[in-house]
Amino acid sequence: MSRAVLSVRAQALAYRIWGHASPLGWDVTAGQIAEALGVDPRRVGRVVAAMGWGTRLRASVSVRGSEAMMNHVDDFLEGV
């Protein structure tokens, strides 16, 4: 599989992404990485996609209200 050719700037961001996510076992979302690194989440998404790391990251909650629903499900499963 061939990957997109990244600019030096994108390669540097890829290294920073790897450096943040790797010690966490890639159990982070692109949004969390972007926040931690202080960069635009779209840049993180583009670099992650170009590097083929999309399947390593935890999926972001993207549906409005889904976070509240997950909290409700968690509470139910915990017997609260």
PDB file of N, CA and C in Angstrom:
ATOM      1  N   MET A   1       0.842  -1.164   0.000  1.00  0.00           N
ATOM      2  CA  MET A   1       0.000   0.000   0.000  1.00  0.00           C
ATOM      3  C   MET A   1       0.892   1.234   0.000  1.00  0.00           C
ATOM      4  N   SER A   2       0.661   2.130  -0.930  1.00  0.00           N
ATOM      5  CA  SER A   2       1.460   3.349  -0.960  1.00  0.00           C
ATOM      6  C   SER A   2       0.748   4.445  -0.183  1.00  0.00           C
ATOM      7  N   ARG A   3       1.517   5.206   0.538  1.00  0.00           N
ATOM      8  CA  ARG A   3       0.985   6.311   1.325  1.00  0.00           C
ATOM      9  C   ARG A   3       1.238   7.610   0.597  1.00  0.00           C
ATOM     10  N   ALA A   4       0.448   8.615   0.957  1.00  0.00           N
ATOM     11  CA  ALA A   4       0.638   9.940   0.377  1.00  0.00           C
ATOM     12  C   ALA A   4       1.990  10.494   0.815  1.00  0.00           C
ATOM     13  N   VAL A   5       2.584  11.291  -0.045  1.00  0.00           N
ATOM     14  CA  VAL A   5       3.830  11.950   0.298  1.00  0.00           C
ATOM     15  C   VAL A   5       3.493  13.134   1.198  1.00  0.00           C
ATOM     16  N   LEU A   6       4.080  13.158   2.366  1.00  0.00           N
ATOM     17  CA  LEU A   6       3.798  14.213   3.333  1.00  0.00           C
ATOM     18  C   LEU A   6       4.858  15.297   3.285  1.00  0.00           C
ATOM     19  N   SER A   7       4.417  16.525   3.495  1.00  0.00           N
ATOM     20  CA  SER A   7       5.361  17.633   3.610  1.00  0.00           C
ATOM     21  C   SER A   7       6.169  17.452   4.892  1.00  0.00           C
ATOM     22  N   VAL A   8       7.236  18.191   5.000  1.00  0.00           N
ATOM     23  CA  VAL A   8       8.056  18.126   6.213  1.00  0.00           C
ATOM     24  C   VAL A   8       7.220  18.527   7.425  1.00  0.00           C
ATOM     25  N   ARG A   9       6.389  19.535   7.261  1.00  0.00           N
ATOM     26  CA  ARG A   9       5.520  19.986   8.358  1.00  0.00           C
ATOM     27  C   ARG A   9       4.562  18.866   8.795  1.00  0.00           C
ATOM     28  N   ALA A  10       3.970  18.161   7.815  1.00  0.00           N
ATOM     29  CA  ALA A  10       3.059  17.061   8.134  1.00  0.00           C
ATOM     30  C   ALA A  10       3.813  15.891   8.759  1.00  0.00           C
ATOM     31  N   GLN A  11       5.046  15.646   8.297  1.00  0.00           N
ATOM     32  CA  GLN A  11       5.855  14.584   8.899  1.00  0.00           C
ATOM     33  C   GLN A  11       6.166  14.908  10.362  1.00  0.00           C
ATOM     34  N   ALA A  12       6.443  16.172  10.633  1.00  0.00           N
ATOM     35  CA  ALA A  12       6.716  16.583  12.009  1.00  0.00           C
ATOM     36  C   ALA A  12       5.474  16.383  12.876  1.00  0.00           C
ATOM     37  N   LEU A  13       4.307  16.723  12.334  1.00  0.00           N
ATOM     38  CA  LEU A  13       3.068  16.509  13.083  1.00  0.00           C
ATOM     39  C   LEU A  13       2.825  15.018  13.290  1.00  0.00           C
ATOM     40  N   ALA A  14       3.120  14.205  12.281  1.00  0.00           N
ATOM     41  CA  ALA A  14       2.965  12.749  12.423  1.00  0.00           C
ATOM     42  C   ALA A  14       3.821  12.226  13.572  1.00  0.00           C
ATOM     43  N   TYR A  15       5.027  12.738  13.672  1.00  0.00           N
ATOM     44  CA  TYR A  15       5.907  12.325  14.771  1.00  0.00           C
ATOM     45  C   TYR A  15       5.322  12.740  16.115  1.00  0.00           C
ATOM     46  N   ARG A  16       4.788  13.947  16.186  1.00  0.00           N
ATOM     47  CA  ARG A  16       4.173  14.414  17.436  1.00  0.00           C
ATOM     48  C   ARG A  16       2.940  13.584  17.782  1.00  0.00           C
ATOM     49  N   ILE A  17       2.139  13.240  16.774  1.00  0.00           N
ATOM     50  CA  ILE A  17       0.959  12.393  16.996  1.00  0.00           C
ATOM     51  C   ILE A  17       1.399  11.036  17.530  1.00  0.00           C
ATOM     52  N   TRP A  18       2.376  10.438  16.863  1.00  0.00           N
ATOM     53  CA  TRP A  18       2.887   9.139  17.302  1.00  0.00           C
ATOM     54  C   TRP A  18       3.414   9.236  18.729  1.00  0.00           C
ATOM     55  N   GLY A  19       4.162  10.291  19.020  1.00  0.00           N
ATOM     56  CA  GLY A  19       4.739  10.468  20.346  1.00  0.00           C
ATOM     57  C   GLY A  19       3.699  10.635  21.439  1.00  0.00           C
ATOM     58  N   HIS A  20       2.548  11.184  21.086  1.00  0.00           N
ATOM     59  CA  HIS A  20       1.476  11.351  22.080  1.00  0.00           C
ATOM     60  C   HIS A  20       0.647  10.068  22.213  1.00  0.00           C
ATOM     61  N   ALA A  21       0.273   9.477  21.089  1.00  0.00           N
ATOM     62  CA  ALA A  21      -0.660   8.347  21.103  1.00  0.00           C
ATOM     63  C   ALA A  21      -0.018   7.008  21.436  1.00  0.00           C
ATOM     64  N   SER A  22       1.205   6.801  21.031  1.00  0.00           N
ATOM     65  CA  SER A  22       1.852   5.512  21.236  1.00  0.00           C
ATOM     66  C   SER A  22       1.957   5.111  22.710  1.00  0.00           C
ATOM     67  N   PRO A  23       2.422   5.987  23.604  1.00  0.00           N
ATOM     68  CA  PRO A  23       2.494   5.584  25.017  1.00  0.00           C
ATOM     69  C   PRO A  23       1.121   5.308  25.640  1.00  0.00           C
ATOM     70  N   LEU A  24       0.070   5.827  25.012  1.00  0.00           N
ATOM     71  CA  LEU A  24      -1.290   5.616  25.511  1.00  0.00           C
ATOM     72  C   LEU A  24      -1.945   4.404  24.860  1.00  0.00           C
ATOM     73  N   GLY A  25      -1.171   3.662  24.106  1.00  0.00           N
ATOM     74  CA  GLY A  25      -1.705   2.487  23.418  1.00  0.00           C
ATOM     75  C   GLY A  25      -2.694   2.857  22.323  1.00  0.00           C
ATOM     76  N   TRP A  26      -2.604   4.064  21.808  1.00  0.00           N
ATOM     77  CA  TRP A  26      -3.484   4.592  20.773  1.00  0.00           C
ATOM     78  C   TRP A  26      -4.936   4.646  21.235  1.00  0.00           C
ATOM     79  N   ASP A  27      -5.161   4.625  22.548  1.00  0.00           N
ATOM     80  CA  ASP A  27      -6.514   4.695  23.096  1.00  0.00           C
ATOM     81  C   ASP A  27      -6.918   6.154  23.283  1.00  0.00           C
ATOM     82  N   VAL A  28      -6.885   6.904  22.201  1.00  0.00           N
ATOM     83  CA  VAL A  28      -7.255   8.320  22.181  1.00  0.00           C
ATOM     84  C   VAL A  28      -7.986   8.603  20.874  1.00  0.00           C
ATOM     85  N   THR A  29      -8.723   9.696  20.859  1.00  0.00           N
ATOM     86  CA  THR A  29      -9.380  10.116  19.630  1.00  0.00           C
ATOM     87  C   THR A  29      -8.515  11.166  18.939  1.00  0.00           C
ATOM     88  N   ALA A  30      -8.802  11.403  17.678  1.00  0.00           N
ATOM     89  CA  ALA A  30      -8.082  12.443  16.948  1.00  0.00           C
ATOM     90  C   ALA A  30      -8.312  13.800  17.608  1.00  0.00           C
ATOM     91  N   GLY A  31      -9.506  14.032  18.111  1.00  0.00           N
ATOM     92  CA  GLY A  31      -9.803  15.280  18.800  1.00  0.00           C
ATOM     93  C   GLY A  31      -8.980  15.462  20.061  1.00  0.00           C
ATOM     94  N   GLN A  32      -8.802  14.389  20.815  1.00  0.00           N
ATOM     95  CA  GLN A  32      -7.987  14.462  22.033  1.00  0.00           C
ATOM     96  C   GLN A  32      -6.530  14.742  21.697  1.00  0.00           C
ATOM     97  N   ILE A  33      -6.043  14.128  20.625  1.00  0.00           N
ATOM     98  CA  ILE A  33      -4.668  14.380  20.197  1.00  0.00           C
ATOM     99  C   ILE A  33      -4.520  15.838  19.785  1.00  0.00           C
ATOM    100  N   ALA A  34      -5.465  16.321  18.995  1.00  0.00           N
ATOM    101  CA  ALA A  34      -5.414  17.708  18.529  1.00  0.00           C
ATOM    102  C   ALA A  34      -5.405  18.676  19.704  1.00  0.00           C
ATOM    103  N   GLU A  35      -6.243  18.413  20.684  1.00  0.00           N
ATOM    104  CA  GLU A  35      -6.295  19.279  21.869  1.00  0.00           C
ATOM    105  C   GLU A  35      -4.975  19.236  22.631  1.00  0.00           C
ATOM    106  N   ALA A  36      -4.431  18.054  22.808  1.00  0.00           N
ATOM    107  CA  ALA A  36      -3.177  17.912  23.549  1.00  0.00           C
ATOM    108  C   ALA A  36      -2.008  18.595  22.840  1.00  0.00           C
ATOM    109  N   LEU A  37      -2.022  18.540  21.509  1.00  0.00           N
ATOM    110  CA  LEU A  37      -0.917  19.107  20.742  1.00  0.00           C
ATOM    111  C   LEU A  37      -1.164  20.555  20.344  1.00  0.00           C
ATOM    112  N   GLY A  38      -2.383  21.035  20.551  1.00  0.00           N
ATOM    113  CA  GLY A  38      -2.703  22.415  20.204  1.00  0.00           C
ATOM    114  C   GLY A  38      -2.762  22.661  18.706  1.00  0.00           C
ATOM    115  N   VAL A  39      -3.300  21.697  17.975  1.00  0.00           N
ATOM    116  CA  VAL A  39      -3.423  21.845  16.524  1.00  0.00           C
ATOM    117  C   VAL A  39      -4.871  21.613  16.105  1.00  0.00           C
ATOM    118  N   ASP A  40      -5.180  21.993  14.891  1.00  0.00           N
ATOM    119  CA  ASP A  40      -6.522  21.819  14.340  1.00  0.00           C
ATOM    120  C   ASP A  40      -6.824  20.324  14.195  1.00  0.00           C
ATOM    121  N   PRO A  41      -7.981  19.877  14.669  1.00  0.00           N
ATOM    122  CA  PRO A  41      -8.324  18.452  14.554  1.00  0.00           C
ATOM    123  C   PRO A  41      -8.340  17.944  13.115  1.00  0.00           C
ATOM    124  N   ARG A  42      -8.648  18.833  12.163  1.00  0.00           N
ATOM    125  CA  ARG A  42      -8.654  18.407  10.760  1.00  0.00           C
ATOM    126  C   ARG A  42      -7.251  18.065  10.291  1.00  0.00           C
ATOM    127  N   ARG A  43      -6.259  18.811  10.773  1.00  0.00           N
ATOM    128  CA  ARG A  43      -4.861  18.487  10.418  1.00  0.00           C
ATOM    129  C   ARG A  43      -4.484  17.125  10.965  1.00  0.00           C
ATOM    130  N   VAL A  44      -4.866  16.868  12.216  1.00  0.00           N
ATOM    131  CA  VAL A  44      -4.580  15.563  12.819  1.00  0.00           C
ATOM    132  C   VAL A  44      -5.249  14.470  11.995  1.00  0.00           C
ATOM    133  N   GLY A  45      -6.505  14.672  11.638  1.00  0.00           N
ATOM    134  CA  GLY A  45      -7.230  13.682  10.845  1.00  0.00           C
ATOM    135  C   GLY A  45      -6.578  13.403   9.513  1.00  0.00           C
ATOM    136  N   ARG A  46      -6.111  14.460   8.835  1.00  0.00           N
ATOM    137  CA  ARG A  46      -5.461  14.275   7.535  1.00  0.00           C
ATOM    138  C   ARG A  46      -4.157  13.502   7.667  1.00  0.00           C
ATOM    139  N   VAL A  47      -3.368  13.843   8.684  1.00  0.00           N
ATOM    140  CA  VAL A  47      -2.088  13.155   8.871  1.00  0.00           C
ATOM    141  C   VAL A  47      -2.313  11.708   9.285  1.00  0.00           C
ATOM    142  N   VAL A  48      -3.257  11.481  10.185  1.00  0.00           N
ATOM    143  CA  VAL A  48      -3.577  10.109  10.614  1.00  0.00           C
ATOM    144  C   VAL A  48      -4.005   9.279   9.412  1.00  0.00           C
ATOM    145  N   ALA A  49      -4.847   9.850   8.557  1.00  0.00           N
ATOM    146  CA  ALA A  49      -5.297   9.124   7.366  1.00  0.00           C
ATOM    147  C   ALA A  49      -4.134   8.851   6.416  1.00  0.00           C
ATOM    148  N   ALA A  50      -3.288   9.852   6.203  1.00  0.00           N
ATOM    149  CA  ALA A  50      -2.153   9.680   5.292  1.00  0.00           C
ATOM    150  C   ALA A  50      -1.173   8.624   5.791  1.00  0.00           C
ATOM    151  N   MET A  51      -1.031   8.524   7.115  1.00  0.00           N
ATOM    152  CA  MET A  51      -0.113   7.545   7.690  1.00  0.00           C
ATOM    153  C   MET A  51      -0.744   6.150   7.815  1.00  0.00           C
ATOM    154  N   GLY A  52      -2.044   6.055   7.582  1.00  0.00           N
ATOM    155  CA  GLY A  52      -2.723   4.769   7.699  1.00  0.00           C
ATOM    156  C   GLY A  52      -2.983   4.364   9.139  1.00  0.00           C
ATOM    157  N   TRP A  53      -3.083   5.347  10.026  1.00  0.00           N
ATOM    158  CA  TRP A  53      -3.271   5.076  11.446  1.00  0.00           C
ATOM    159  C   TRP A  53      -4.732   5.149  11.882  1.00  0.00           C
ATOM    160  N   GLY A  54      -5.638   5.320  10.958  1.00  0.00           N
ATOM    161  CA  GLY A  54      -7.041   5.517  11.300  1.00  0.00           C
ATOM    162  C   GLY A  54      -7.634   4.411  12.153  1.00  0.00           C
ATOM    163  N   THR A  55      -7.231   3.179  11.928  1.00  0.00           N
ATOM    164  CA  THR A  55      -7.795   2.062  12.689  1.00  0.00           C
ATOM    165  C   THR A  55      -7.177   1.936  14.078  1.00  0.00           C
ATOM    166  N   ARG A  56      -6.088   2.651  14.328  1.00  0.00           N
ATOM    167  CA  ARG A  56      -5.448   2.577  15.642  1.00  0.00           C
ATOM    168  C   ARG A  56      -6.177   3.434  16.681  1.00  0.00           C
ATOM    169  N   LEU A  57      -6.754   4.538  16.228  1.00  0.00           N
ATOM    170  CA  LEU A  57      -7.360   5.490  17.153  1.00  0.00           C
ATOM    171  C   LEU A  57      -8.745   5.048  17.590  1.00  0.00           C
ATOM    172  N   ARG A  58      -9.133   5.510  18.772  1.00  0.00           N
ATOM    173  CA  ARG A  58     -10.484   5.288  19.265  1.00  0.00           C
ATOM    174  C   ARG A  58     -11.409   6.214  18.487  1.00  0.00           C
ATOM    175  N   ALA A  59     -12.577   5.735  18.155  1.00  0.00           N
ATOM    176  CA  ALA A  59     -13.539   6.540  17.400  1.00  0.00           C
ATOM    177  C   ALA A  59     -14.033   7.703  18.245  1.00  0.00           C
ATOM    178  N   SER A  60     -14.244   8.831  17.588  1.00  0.00           N
ATOM    179  CA  SER A  60     -14.781  10.015  18.258  1.00  0.00           C
ATOM    180  C   SER A  60     -16.288   9.892  18.374  1.00  0.00           C
ATOM    181  N   VAL A  61     -16.843  10.463  19.424  1.00  0.00           N
ATOM    182  CA  VAL A  61     -18.288  10.547  19.553  1.00  0.00           C
ATOM    183  C   VAL A  61     -18.729  11.663  18.614  1.00  0.00           C
ATOM    184  N   SER A  62     -19.497  11.329  17.593  1.00  0.00           N
ATOM    185  CA  SER A  62     -19.824  12.336  16.596  1.00  0.00           C
ATOM    186  C   SER A  62     -21.317  12.619  16.468  1.00  0.00           C
ATOM    187  N   VAL A  63     -22.144  11.806  17.075  1.00  0.00           N
ATOM    188  CA  VAL A  63     -23.580  12.006  16.971  1.00  0.00           C
ATOM    189  C   VAL A  63     -24.042  12.851  18.144  1.00  0.00           C
ATOM    190  N   ARG A  64     -24.770  13.928  17.832  1.00  0.00           N
ATOM    191  CA  ARG A  64     -25.244  14.822  18.882  1.00  0.00           C
ATOM    192  C   ARG A  64     -26.078  14.042  19.896  1.00  0.00           C
ATOM    193  N   GLY A  65     -25.751  14.177  21.159  1.00  0.00           N
ATOM    194  CA  GLY A  65     -26.481  13.509  22.216  1.00  0.00           C
ATOM    195  C   GLY A  65     -25.991  12.100  22.508  1.00  0.00           C
ATOM    196  N   SER A  66     -25.107  11.585  21.687  1.00  0.00           N
ATOM    197  CA  SER A  66     -24.670  10.201  21.890  1.00  0.00           C
ATOM    198  C   SER A  66     -23.837  10.063  23.160  1.00  0.00           C
ATOM    199  N   GLU A  67     -23.108  11.121  23.544  1.00  0.00           N
ATOM    200  CA  GLU A  67     -22.323  11.050  24.771  1.00  0.00           C
ATOM    201  C   GLU A  67     -23.239  10.905  25.984  1.00  0.00           C
ATOM    202  N   ALA A  68     -24.328  11.652  26.002  1.00  0.00           N
ATOM    203  CA  ALA A  68     -25.291  11.541  27.101  1.00  0.00           C
ATOM    204  C   ALA A  68     -25.899  10.141  27.120  1.00  0.00           C
ATOM    205  N   MET A  69     -26.189   9.603  25.945  1.00  0.00           N
ATOM    206  CA  MET A  69     -26.751   8.264  25.860  1.00  0.00           C
ATOM    207  C   MET A  69     -25.765   7.233  26.386  1.00  0.00           C
ATOM    208  N   MET A  70     -24.485   7.393  26.049  1.00  0.00           N
ATOM    209  CA  MET A  70     -23.472   6.455  26.534  1.00  0.00           C
ATOM    210  C   MET A  70     -23.347   6.537  28.052  1.00  0.00           C
ATOM    211  N   ASN A  71     -23.438   7.736  28.612  1.00  0.00           N
ATOM    212  CA  ASN A  71     -23.397   7.880  30.073  1.00  0.00           C
ATOM    213  C   ASN A  71     -24.574   7.158  30.704  1.00  0.00           C
ATOM    214  N   HIS A  72     -25.752   7.268  30.078  1.00  0.00           N
ATOM    215  CA  HIS A  72     -26.937   6.583  30.581  1.00  0.00           C
ATOM    216  C   HIS A  72     -26.733   5.069  30.533  1.00  0.00           C
ATOM    217  N   VAL A  73     -26.201   4.566  29.430  1.00  0.00           N
ATOM    218  CA  VAL A  73     -25.947   3.130  29.290  1.00  0.00           C
ATOM    219  C   VAL A  73     -24.908   2.682  30.317  1.00  0.00           C
ATOM    220  N   ASP A  74     -23.845   3.458  30.497  1.00  0.00           N
ATOM    221  CA  ASP A  74     -22.832   3.126  31.498  1.00  0.00           C
ATOM    222  C   ASP A  74     -23.454   3.053  32.890  1.00  0.00           C
ATOM    223  N   ASP A  75     -24.285   4.042  33.232  1.00  0.00           N
ATOM    224  CA  ASP A  75     -24.940   4.041  34.534  1.00  0.00           C
ATOM    225  C   ASP A  75     -25.827   2.799  34.700  1.00  0.00           C
ATOM    226  N   PHE A  76     -26.556   2.448  33.652  1.00  0.00           N
ATOM    227  CA  PHE A  76     -27.420   1.274  33.703  1.00  0.00           C
ATOM    228  C   PHE A  76     -26.598   0.010  33.930  1.00  0.00           C
ATOM    229  N   LEU A  77     -25.509  -0.116  33.195  1.00  0.00           N
ATOM    230  CA  LEU A  77     -24.675  -1.319  33.327  1.00  0.00           C
ATOM    231  C   LEU A  77     -23.994  -1.414  34.684  1.00  0.00           C
ATOM    232  N   GLU A  78     -23.713  -0.256  35.274  1.00  0.00           N
ATOM    233  CA  GLU A  78     -23.097  -0.246  36.596  1.00  0.00           C
ATOM    234  C   GLU A  78     -24.125  -0.382  37.716  1.00  0.00           C
ATOM    235  N   GLY A  79     -25.412  -0.389  37.365  1.00  0.00           N
ATOM    236  CA  GLY A  79     -26.464  -0.545  38.360  1.00  0.00           C
ATOM    237  C   GLY A  79     -26.768   0.703  39.157  1.00  0.00           C
ATOM    238  N   VAL A  80     -26.484   1.870  38.581  1.00  0.00           N
ATOM    239  CA  VAL A  80     -26.754   3.132  39.285  1.00  0.00           C
ATOM    240  C   VAL A  80     -28.204   3.481  39.152  1.00  0.00           C
TER     241      VAL A  80
END
